[in-house]
Amino acid sequence: MEALIEKIEVALNSVRPYLEADGGNVKIVEITSDMTLRLELLGACGSCPMSTMTFKAGLEEAVKKSVPEILHVEAVNLTPLN
């Protein structure tokens, strides 16, 4: 599991500079038994109206591309756009 977390961190680090530039960040909350990665958006990312797009196009895409073992990616504090 530790090696998997390291691979995920590398993937997240590829998008972190963009999040940090806007006052945000992301952290791993857990990896569930069904290989779902749960992330928490931090700082400005938690309340940004664009965070749903950032999550889908940036974070989820980067993780799934770099770590194919992860089947699903969820944000625990993301408010979906209506």
PDB file of N, CA and C in Angstrom:
ATOM      1  N   MET A   1       0.829  -1.204   0.000  1.00  0.00           N
ATOM      2  CA  MET A   1       0.000   0.000   0.000  1.00  0.00           C
ATOM      3  C   MET A   1       0.868   1.260   0.000  1.00  0.00           C
ATOM      4  N   GLU A   2       2.006   1.201   0.677  1.00  0.00           N
ATOM      5  CA  GLU A   2       2.896   2.366   0.748  1.00  0.00           C
ATOM      6  C   GLU A   2       3.407   2.758  -0.641  1.00  0.00           C
ATOM      7  N   ALA A   3       3.760   1.764  -1.457  1.00  0.00           N
ATOM      8  CA  ALA A   3       4.233   2.044  -2.818  1.00  0.00           C
ATOM      9  C   ALA A   3       3.125   2.676  -3.652  1.00  0.00           C
ATOM     10  N   LEU A   4       1.903   2.234  -3.441  1.00  0.00           N
ATOM     11  CA  LEU A   4       0.760   2.789  -4.153  1.00  0.00           C
ATOM     12  C   LEU A   4       0.557   4.255  -3.772  1.00  0.00           C
ATOM     13  N   ILE A   5       0.656   4.556  -2.500  1.00  0.00           N
ATOM     14  CA  ILE A   5       0.510   5.935  -2.029  1.00  0.00           C
ATOM     15  C   ILE A   5       1.607   6.815  -2.629  1.00  0.00           C
ATOM     16  N   GLU A   6       2.830   6.295  -2.708  1.00  0.00           N
ATOM     17  CA  GLU A   6       3.925   7.062  -3.312  1.00  0.00           C
ATOM     18  C   GLU A   6       3.623   7.379  -4.772  1.00  0.00           C
ATOM     19  N   LYS A   7       3.108   6.408  -5.519  1.00  0.00           N
ATOM     20  CA  LYS A   7       2.764   6.635  -6.924  1.00  0.00           C
ATOM     21  C   LYS A   7       1.661   7.685  -7.053  1.00  0.00           C
ATOM     22  N   ILE A   8       0.698   7.639  -6.145  1.00  0.00           N
ATOM     23  CA  ILE A   8      -0.395   8.616  -6.161  1.00  0.00           C
ATOM     24  C   ILE A   8       0.149  10.010  -5.863  1.00  0.00           C
ATOM     25  N   GLU A   9       1.038  10.113  -4.872  1.00  0.00           N
ATOM     26  CA  GLU A   9       1.629  11.406  -4.527  1.00  0.00           C
ATOM     27  C   GLU A   9       2.389  11.996  -5.713  1.00  0.00           C
ATOM     28  N   VAL A  10       3.118  11.154  -6.443  1.00  0.00           N
ATOM     29  CA  VAL A  10       3.837  11.634  -7.633  1.00  0.00           C
ATOM     30  C   VAL A  10       2.841  12.199  -8.649  1.00  0.00           C
ATOM     31  N   ALA A  11       1.739  11.489  -8.858  1.00  0.00           N
ATOM     32  CA  ALA A  11       0.710  11.961  -9.788  1.00  0.00           C
ATOM     33  C   ALA A  11       0.106  13.279  -9.304  1.00  0.00           C
ATOM     34  N   LEU A  12      -0.189  13.362  -8.015  1.00  0.00           N
ATOM     35  CA  LEU A  12      -0.764  14.593  -7.474  1.00  0.00           C
ATOM     36  C   LEU A  12       0.231  15.748  -7.554  1.00  0.00           C
ATOM     37  N   ASN A  13       1.505  15.442  -7.354  1.00  0.00           N
ATOM     38  CA  ASN A  13       2.527  16.487  -7.421  1.00  0.00           C
ATOM     39  C   ASN A  13       2.612  17.115  -8.808  1.00  0.00           C
ATOM     40  N   SER A  14       2.180  16.379  -9.833  1.00  0.00           N
ATOM     41  CA  SER A  14       2.205  16.941 -11.182  1.00  0.00           C
ATOM     42  C   SER A  14       1.168  18.053 -11.361  1.00  0.00           C
ATOM     43  N   VAL A  15       0.120  18.063 -10.536  1.00  0.00           N
ATOM     44  CA  VAL A  15      -0.897  19.115 -10.636  1.00  0.00           C
ATOM     45  C   VAL A  15      -0.893  20.070  -9.446  1.00  0.00           C
ATOM     46  N   ARG A  16      -0.166  19.728  -8.398  1.00  0.00           N
ATOM     47  CA  ARG A  16      -0.148  20.581  -7.198  1.00  0.00           C
ATOM     48  C   ARG A  16       0.275  22.029  -7.470  1.00  0.00           C
ATOM     49  N   PRO A  17       1.277  22.276  -8.320  1.00  0.00           N
ATOM     50  CA  PRO A  17       1.666  23.679  -8.550  1.00  0.00           C
ATOM     51  C   PRO A  17       0.507  24.542  -9.044  1.00  0.00           C
ATOM     52  N   TYR A  18      -0.387  23.966  -9.827  1.00  0.00           N
ATOM     53  CA  TYR A  18      -1.547  24.709 -10.325  1.00  0.00           C
ATOM     54  C   TYR A  18      -2.533  25.001  -9.198  1.00  0.00           C
ATOM     55  N   LEU A  19      -2.716  24.023  -8.326  1.00  0.00           N
ATOM     56  CA  LEU A  19      -3.606  24.217  -7.173  1.00  0.00           C
ATOM     57  C   LEU A  19      -3.027  25.274  -6.231  1.00  0.00           C
ATOM     58  N   GLU A  20      -1.727  25.146  -5.955  1.00  0.00           N
ATOM     59  CA  GLU A  20      -1.070  26.066  -5.031  1.00  0.00           C
ATOM     60  C   GLU A  20      -1.063  27.490  -5.568  1.00  0.00           C
ATOM     61  N   ALA A  21      -0.961  27.655  -6.882  1.00  0.00           N
ATOM     62  CA  ALA A  21      -0.970  28.987  -7.486  1.00  0.00           C
ATOM     63  C   ALA A  21      -2.278  29.709  -7.204  1.00  0.00           C
ATOM     64  N   ASP A  22      -3.347  28.941  -7.002  1.00  0.00           N
ATOM     65  CA  ASP A  22      -4.656  29.524  -6.702  1.00  0.00           C
ATOM     66  C   ASP A  22      -5.019  29.412  -5.219  1.00  0.00           C
ATOM     67  N   GLY A  23      -4.038  29.093  -4.379  1.00  0.00           N
ATOM     68  CA  GLY A  23      -4.274  29.050  -2.941  1.00  0.00           C
ATOM     69  C   GLY A  23      -4.888  27.758  -2.435  1.00  0.00           C
ATOM     70  N   GLY A  24      -4.720  26.677  -3.177  1.00  0.00           N
ATOM     71  CA  GLY A  24      -5.304  25.408  -2.764  1.00  0.00           C
ATOM     72  C   GLY A  24      -4.286  24.290  -2.709  1.00  0.00           C
ATOM     73  N   ASN A  25      -4.761  23.107  -2.414  1.00  0.00           N
ATOM     74  CA  ASN A  25      -3.933  21.907  -2.387  1.00  0.00           C
ATOM     75  C   ASN A  25      -4.869  20.706  -2.290  1.00  0.00           C
ATOM     76  N   VAL A  26      -4.276  19.525  -2.188  1.00  0.00           N
ATOM     77  CA  VAL A  26      -5.061  18.298  -2.092  1.00  0.00           C
ATOM     78  C   VAL A  26      -4.310  17.326  -1.201  1.00  0.00           C
ATOM     79  N   LYS A  27      -5.049  16.495  -0.461  1.00  0.00           N
ATOM     80  CA  LYS A  27      -4.394  15.453   0.340  1.00  0.00           C
ATOM     81  C   LYS A  27      -5.173  14.156   0.226  1.00  0.00           C
ATOM     82  N   ILE A  28      -4.429  13.063   0.372  1.00  0.00           N
ATOM     83  CA  ILE A  28      -5.028  11.737   0.341  1.00  0.00           C
ATOM     84  C   ILE A  28      -5.724  11.487   1.677  1.00  0.00           C
ATOM     85  N   VAL A  29      -6.986  11.077   1.612  1.00  0.00           N
ATOM     86  CA  VAL A  29      -7.727  10.733   2.821  1.00  0.00           C
ATOM     87  C   VAL A  29      -7.611   9.229   3.067  1.00  0.00           C
ATOM     88  N   GLU A  30      -7.909   8.438   2.030  1.00  0.00           N
ATOM     89  CA  GLU A  30      -7.824   6.985   2.161  1.00  0.00           C
ATOM     90  C   GLU A  30      -7.896   6.319   0.802  1.00  0.00           C
ATOM     91  N   ILE A  31      -7.497   5.066   0.787  1.00  0.00           N
ATOM     92  CA  ILE A  31      -7.712   4.189  -0.359  1.00  0.00           C
ATOM     93  C   ILE A  31      -8.570   3.052   0.168  1.00  0.00           C
ATOM     94  N   THR A  32      -9.757   2.898  -0.392  1.00  0.00           N
ATOM     95  CA  THR A  32     -10.690   1.889   0.106  1.00  0.00           C
ATOM     96  C   THR A  32     -10.335   0.510  -0.440  1.00  0.00           C
ATOM     97  N   SER A  33     -10.994  -0.503   0.085  1.00  0.00           N
ATOM     98  CA  SER A  33     -10.728  -1.877  -0.337  1.00  0.00           C
ATOM     99  C   SER A  33     -11.099  -2.127  -1.796  1.00  0.00           C
ATOM    100  N   ASP A  34     -12.013  -1.324  -2.343  1.00  0.00           N
ATOM    101  CA  ASP A  34     -12.377  -1.483  -3.759  1.00  0.00           C
ATOM    102  C   ASP A  34     -11.551  -0.570  -4.670  1.00  0.00           C
ATOM    103  N   MET A  35     -10.405  -0.103  -4.145  1.00  0.00           N
ATOM    104  CA  MET A  35      -9.446   0.716  -4.891  1.00  0.00           C
ATOM    105  C   MET A  35     -10.016   2.068  -5.306  1.00  0.00           C
ATOM    106  N   THR A  36     -10.794   2.660  -4.419  1.00  0.00           N
ATOM    107  CA  THR A  36     -11.265   4.022  -4.599  1.00  0.00           C
ATOM    108  C   THR A  36     -10.358   4.940  -3.787  1.00  0.00           C
ATOM    109  N   LEU A  37      -9.811   5.932  -4.454  1.00  0.00           N
ATOM    110  CA  LEU A  37      -8.977   6.928  -3.795  1.00  0.00           C
ATOM    111  C   LEU A  37      -9.865   8.067  -3.350  1.00  0.00           C
ATOM    112  N   ARG A  38      -9.803   8.403  -2.068  1.00  0.00           N
ATOM    113  CA  ARG A  38     -10.586   9.520  -1.542  1.00  0.00           C
ATOM    114  C   ARG A  38      -9.631  10.661  -1.237  1.00  0.00           C
ATOM    115  N   LEU A  39      -9.907  11.825  -1.823  1.00  0.00           N
ATOM    116  CA  LEU A  39      -9.068  13.005  -1.686  1.00  0.00           C
ATOM    117  C   LEU A  39      -9.836  14.122  -1.001  1.00  0.00           C
ATOM    118  N   GLU A  40      -9.106  14.980  -0.320  1.00  0.00           N
ATOM    119  CA  GLU A  40      -9.696  16.183   0.253  1.00  0.00           C
ATOM    120  C   GLU A  40      -9.072  17.385  -0.417  1.00  0.00           C
ATOM    121  N   LEU A  41      -9.916  18.279  -0.928  1.00  0.00           N
ATOM    122  CA  LEU A  41      -9.434  19.522  -1.506  1.00  0.00           C
ATOM    123  C   LEU A  41      -9.245  20.525  -0.380  1.00  0.00           C
ATOM    124  N   LEU A  42      -8.096  21.175  -0.371  1.00  0.00           N
ATOM    125  CA  LEU A  42      -7.729  22.060   0.728  1.00  0.00           C
ATOM    126  C   LEU A  42      -7.679  23.520   0.276  1.00  0.00           C
ATOM    127  N   GLY A  43      -7.772  24.415   1.253  1.00  0.00           N
ATOM    128  CA  GLY A  43      -7.637  25.841   0.977  1.00  0.00           C
ATOM    129  C   GLY A  43      -8.721  26.328   0.033  1.00  0.00           C
ATOM    130  N   ALA A  44      -8.318  27.153  -0.927  1.00  0.00           N
ATOM    131  CA  ALA A  44      -9.264  27.739  -1.869  1.00  0.00           C
ATOM    132  C   ALA A  44      -9.967  26.685  -2.712  1.00  0.00           C
ATOM    133  N   CYS A  45      -9.343  25.524  -2.888  1.00  0.00           N
ATOM    134  CA  CYS A  45      -9.948  24.475  -3.736  1.00  0.00           C
ATOM    135  C   CYS A  45     -11.252  23.947  -3.150  1.00  0.00           C
ATOM    136  N   GLY A  46     -11.389  23.976  -1.847  1.00  0.00           N
ATOM    137  CA  GLY A  46     -12.593  23.452  -1.220  1.00  0.00           C
ATOM    138  C   GLY A  46     -13.830  24.259  -1.518  1.00  0.00           C
ATOM    139  N   SER A  47     -13.661  25.547  -1.836  1.00  0.00           N
ATOM    140  CA  SER A  47     -14.822  26.405  -2.067  1.00  0.00           C
ATOM    141  C   SER A  47     -14.861  27.009  -3.467  1.00  0.00           C
ATOM    142  N   CYS A  48     -13.903  26.699  -4.301  1.00  0.00           N
ATOM    143  CA  CYS A  48     -13.840  27.277  -5.645  1.00  0.00           C
ATOM    144  C   CYS A  48     -14.943  26.710  -6.531  1.00  0.00           C
ATOM    145  N   PRO A  49     -15.658  27.564  -7.262  1.00  0.00           N
ATOM    146  CA  PRO A  49     -16.712  27.059  -8.142  1.00  0.00           C
ATOM    147  C   PRO A  49     -16.179  26.205  -9.294  1.00  0.00           C
ATOM    148  N   MET A  50     -14.903  26.317  -9.603  1.00  0.00           N
ATOM    149  CA  MET A  50     -14.301  25.528 -10.684  1.00  0.00           C
ATOM    150  C   MET A  50     -13.713  24.215 -10.173  1.00  0.00           C
ATOM    151  N   SER A  51     -13.833  23.936  -8.887  1.00  0.00           N
ATOM    152  CA  SER A  51     -13.163  22.768  -8.326  1.00  0.00           C
ATOM    153  C   SER A  51     -13.665  21.445  -8.902  1.00  0.00           C
ATOM    154  N   THR A  52     -14.919  21.382  -9.335  1.00  0.00           N
ATOM    155  CA  THR A  52     -15.415  20.152  -9.947  1.00  0.00           C
ATOM    156  C   THR A  52     -14.664  19.873 -11.240  1.00  0.00           C
ATOM    157  N   MET A  53     -14.467  20.902 -12.052  1.00  0.00           N
ATOM    158  CA  MET A  53     -13.712  20.733 -13.292  1.00  0.00           C
ATOM    159  C   MET A  53     -12.254  20.408 -12.999  1.00  0.00           C
ATOM    160  N   THR A  54     -11.667  21.109 -12.044  1.00  0.00           N
ATOM    161  CA  THR A  54     -10.275  20.854 -11.665  1.00  0.00           C
ATOM    162  C   THR A  54     -10.116  19.417 -11.204  1.00  0.00           C
ATOM    163  N   PHE A  55     -11.060  18.962 -10.405  1.00  0.00           N
ATOM    164  CA  PHE A  55     -10.996  17.602  -9.880  1.00  0.00           C
ATOM    165  C   PHE A  55     -11.051  16.587 -11.016  1.00  0.00           C
ATOM    166  N   LYS A  56     -12.049  16.705 -11.891  1.00  0.00           N
ATOM    167  CA  LYS A  56     -12.249  15.729 -12.971  1.00  0.00           C
ATOM    168  C   LYS A  56     -11.109  15.776 -13.991  1.00  0.00           C
ATOM    169  N   ALA A  57     -10.800  16.963 -14.484  1.00  0.00           N
ATOM    170  CA  ALA A  57      -9.834  17.096 -15.579  1.00  0.00           C
ATOM    171  C   ALA A  57      -8.390  17.044 -15.090  1.00  0.00           C
ATOM    172  N   GLY A  58      -8.165  17.430 -13.848  1.00  0.00           N
ATOM    173  CA  GLY A  58      -6.796  17.477 -13.349  1.00  0.00           C
ATOM    174  C   GLY A  58      -6.444  16.323 -12.446  1.00  0.00           C
ATOM    175  N   LEU A  59      -7.022  16.298 -11.279  1.00  0.00           N
ATOM    176  CA  LEU A  59      -6.647  15.319 -10.261  1.00  0.00           C
ATOM    177  C   LEU A  59      -7.025  13.889 -10.656  1.00  0.00           C
ATOM    178  N   GLU A  60      -8.275  13.676 -10.993  1.00  0.00           N
ATOM    179  CA  GLU A  60      -8.726  12.323 -11.329  1.00  0.00           C
ATOM    180  C   GLU A  60      -7.964  11.785 -12.544  1.00  0.00           C
ATOM    181  N   GLU A  61      -7.816  12.627 -13.568  1.00  0.00           N
ATOM    182  CA  GLU A  61      -7.122  12.220 -14.789  1.00  0.00           C
ATOM    183  C   GLU A  61      -5.661  11.869 -14.500  1.00  0.00           C
ATOM    184  N   ALA A  62      -4.981  12.705 -13.715  1.00  0.00           N
ATOM    185  CA  ALA A  62      -3.566  12.465 -13.403  1.00  0.00           C
ATOM    186  C   ALA A  62      -3.382  11.165 -12.633  1.00  0.00           C
ATOM    187  N   VAL A  63      -4.243  10.913 -11.654  1.00  0.00           N
ATOM    188  CA  VAL A  63      -4.117   9.703 -10.840  1.00  0.00           C
ATOM    189  C   VAL A  63      -4.417   8.457 -11.674  1.00  0.00           C
ATOM    190  N   LYS A  64      -5.530   8.462 -12.392  1.00  0.00           N
ATOM    191  CA  LYS A  64      -5.914   7.267 -13.153  1.00  0.00           C
ATOM    192  C   LYS A  64      -4.902   6.942 -14.251  1.00  0.00           C
ATOM    193  N   LYS A  65      -4.294   7.964 -14.824  1.00  0.00           N
ATOM    194  CA  LYS A  65      -3.301   7.762 -15.873  1.00  0.00           C
ATOM    195  C   LYS A  65      -2.009   7.178 -15.301  1.00  0.00           C
ATOM    196  N   SER A  66      -1.589   7.685 -14.143  1.00  0.00           N
ATOM    197  CA  SER A  66      -0.313   7.266 -13.546  1.00  0.00           C
ATOM    198  C   SER A  66      -0.429   6.028 -12.669  1.00  0.00           C
ATOM    199  N   VAL A  67      -1.616   5.799 -12.105  1.00  0.00           N
ATOM    200  CA  VAL A  67      -1.807   4.704 -11.148  1.00  0.00           C
ATOM    201  C   VAL A  67      -3.053   3.909 -11.566  1.00  0.00           C
ATOM    202  N   PRO A  68      -2.910   3.038 -12.568  1.00  0.00           N
ATOM    203  CA  PRO A  68      -4.087   2.312 -13.079  1.00  0.00           C
ATOM    204  C   PRO A  68      -4.742   1.385 -12.058  1.00  0.00           C
ATOM    205  N   GLU A  69      -4.041   1.077 -10.972  1.00  0.00           N
ATOM    206  CA  GLU A  69      -4.645   0.247  -9.921  1.00  0.00           C
ATOM    207  C   GLU A  69      -5.836   0.945  -9.275  1.00  0.00           C
ATOM    208  N   ILE A  70      -5.828   2.277  -9.282  1.00  0.00           N
ATOM    209  CA  ILE A  70      -6.928   3.043  -8.700  1.00  0.00           C
ATOM    210  C   ILE A  70      -8.081   3.053  -9.701  1.00  0.00           C
ATOM    211  N   LEU A  71      -9.230   2.534  -9.276  1.00  0.00           N
ATOM    212  CA  LEU A  71     -10.385   2.404 -10.156  1.00  0.00           C
ATOM    213  C   LEU A  71     -11.307   3.613 -10.115  1.00  0.00           C
ATOM    214  N   HIS A  72     -11.377   4.264  -8.961  1.00  0.00           N
ATOM    215  CA  HIS A  72     -12.260   5.421  -8.791  1.00  0.00           C
ATOM    216  C   HIS A  72     -11.529   6.474  -7.962  1.00  0.00           C
ATOM    217  N   VAL A  73     -11.852   7.735  -8.227  1.00  0.00           N
ATOM    218  CA  VAL A  73     -11.299   8.839  -7.450  1.00  0.00           C
ATOM    219  C   VAL A  73     -12.470   9.696  -7.001  1.00  0.00           C
ATOM    220  N   GLU A  74     -12.529   9.981  -5.703  1.00  0.00           N
ATOM    221  CA  GLU A  74     -13.610  10.793  -5.135  1.00  0.00           C
ATOM    222  C   GLU A  74     -13.011  11.919  -4.310  1.00  0.00           C
ATOM    223  N   ALA A  75     -13.686  13.042  -4.306  1.00  0.00           N
ATOM    224  CA  ALA A  75     -13.335  14.126  -3.395  1.00  0.00           C
ATOM    225  C   ALA A  75     -14.341  14.102  -2.255  1.00  0.00           C
ATOM    226  N   VAL A  76     -13.861  14.102  -1.034  1.00  0.00           N
ATOM    227  CA  VAL A  76     -14.761  13.979   0.113  1.00  0.00           C
ATOM    228  C   VAL A  76     -15.495  15.285   0.419  1.00  0.00           C
ATOM    229  N   ASN A  77     -14.969  16.402  -0.070  1.00  0.00           N
ATOM    230  CA  ASN A  77     -15.574  17.694   0.282  1.00  0.00           C
ATOM    231  C   ASN A  77     -15.920  18.531  -0.945  1.00  0.00           C
ATOM    232  N   LEU A  78     -16.185  17.893  -2.060  1.00  0.00           N
ATOM    233  CA  LEU A  78     -16.472  18.607  -3.303  1.00  0.00           C
ATOM    234  C   LEU A  78     -17.968  18.864  -3.401  1.00  0.00           C
ATOM    235  N   THR A  79     -18.328  20.107  -3.699  1.00  0.00           N
ATOM    236  CA  THR A  79     -19.714  20.457  -3.908  1.00  0.00           C
ATOM    237  C   THR A  79     -19.975  20.448  -5.414  1.00  0.00           C
ATOM    238  N   PRO A  80     -20.793  19.513  -5.889  1.00  0.00           N
ATOM    239  CA  PRO A  80     -21.021  19.430  -7.341  1.00  0.00           C
ATOM    240  C   PRO A  80     -21.705  20.661  -7.893  1.00  0.00           C
ATOM    241  N   LEU A  81     -21.389  20.988  -9.144  1.00  0.00           N
ATOM    242  CA  LEU A  81     -22.048  22.092  -9.827  1.00  0.00           C
ATOM    243  C   LEU A  81     -23.453  21.647 -10.222  1.00  0.00           C
ATOM    244  N   ASN A  82     -24.408  22.543 -10.088  1.00  0.00           N
ATOM    245  CA  ASN A  82     -25.802  22.207 -10.461  1.00  0.00           C
ATOM    246  C   ASN A  82     -26.120  22.750 -11.820  1.00  0.00           C
TER     247      ASN A  82
END
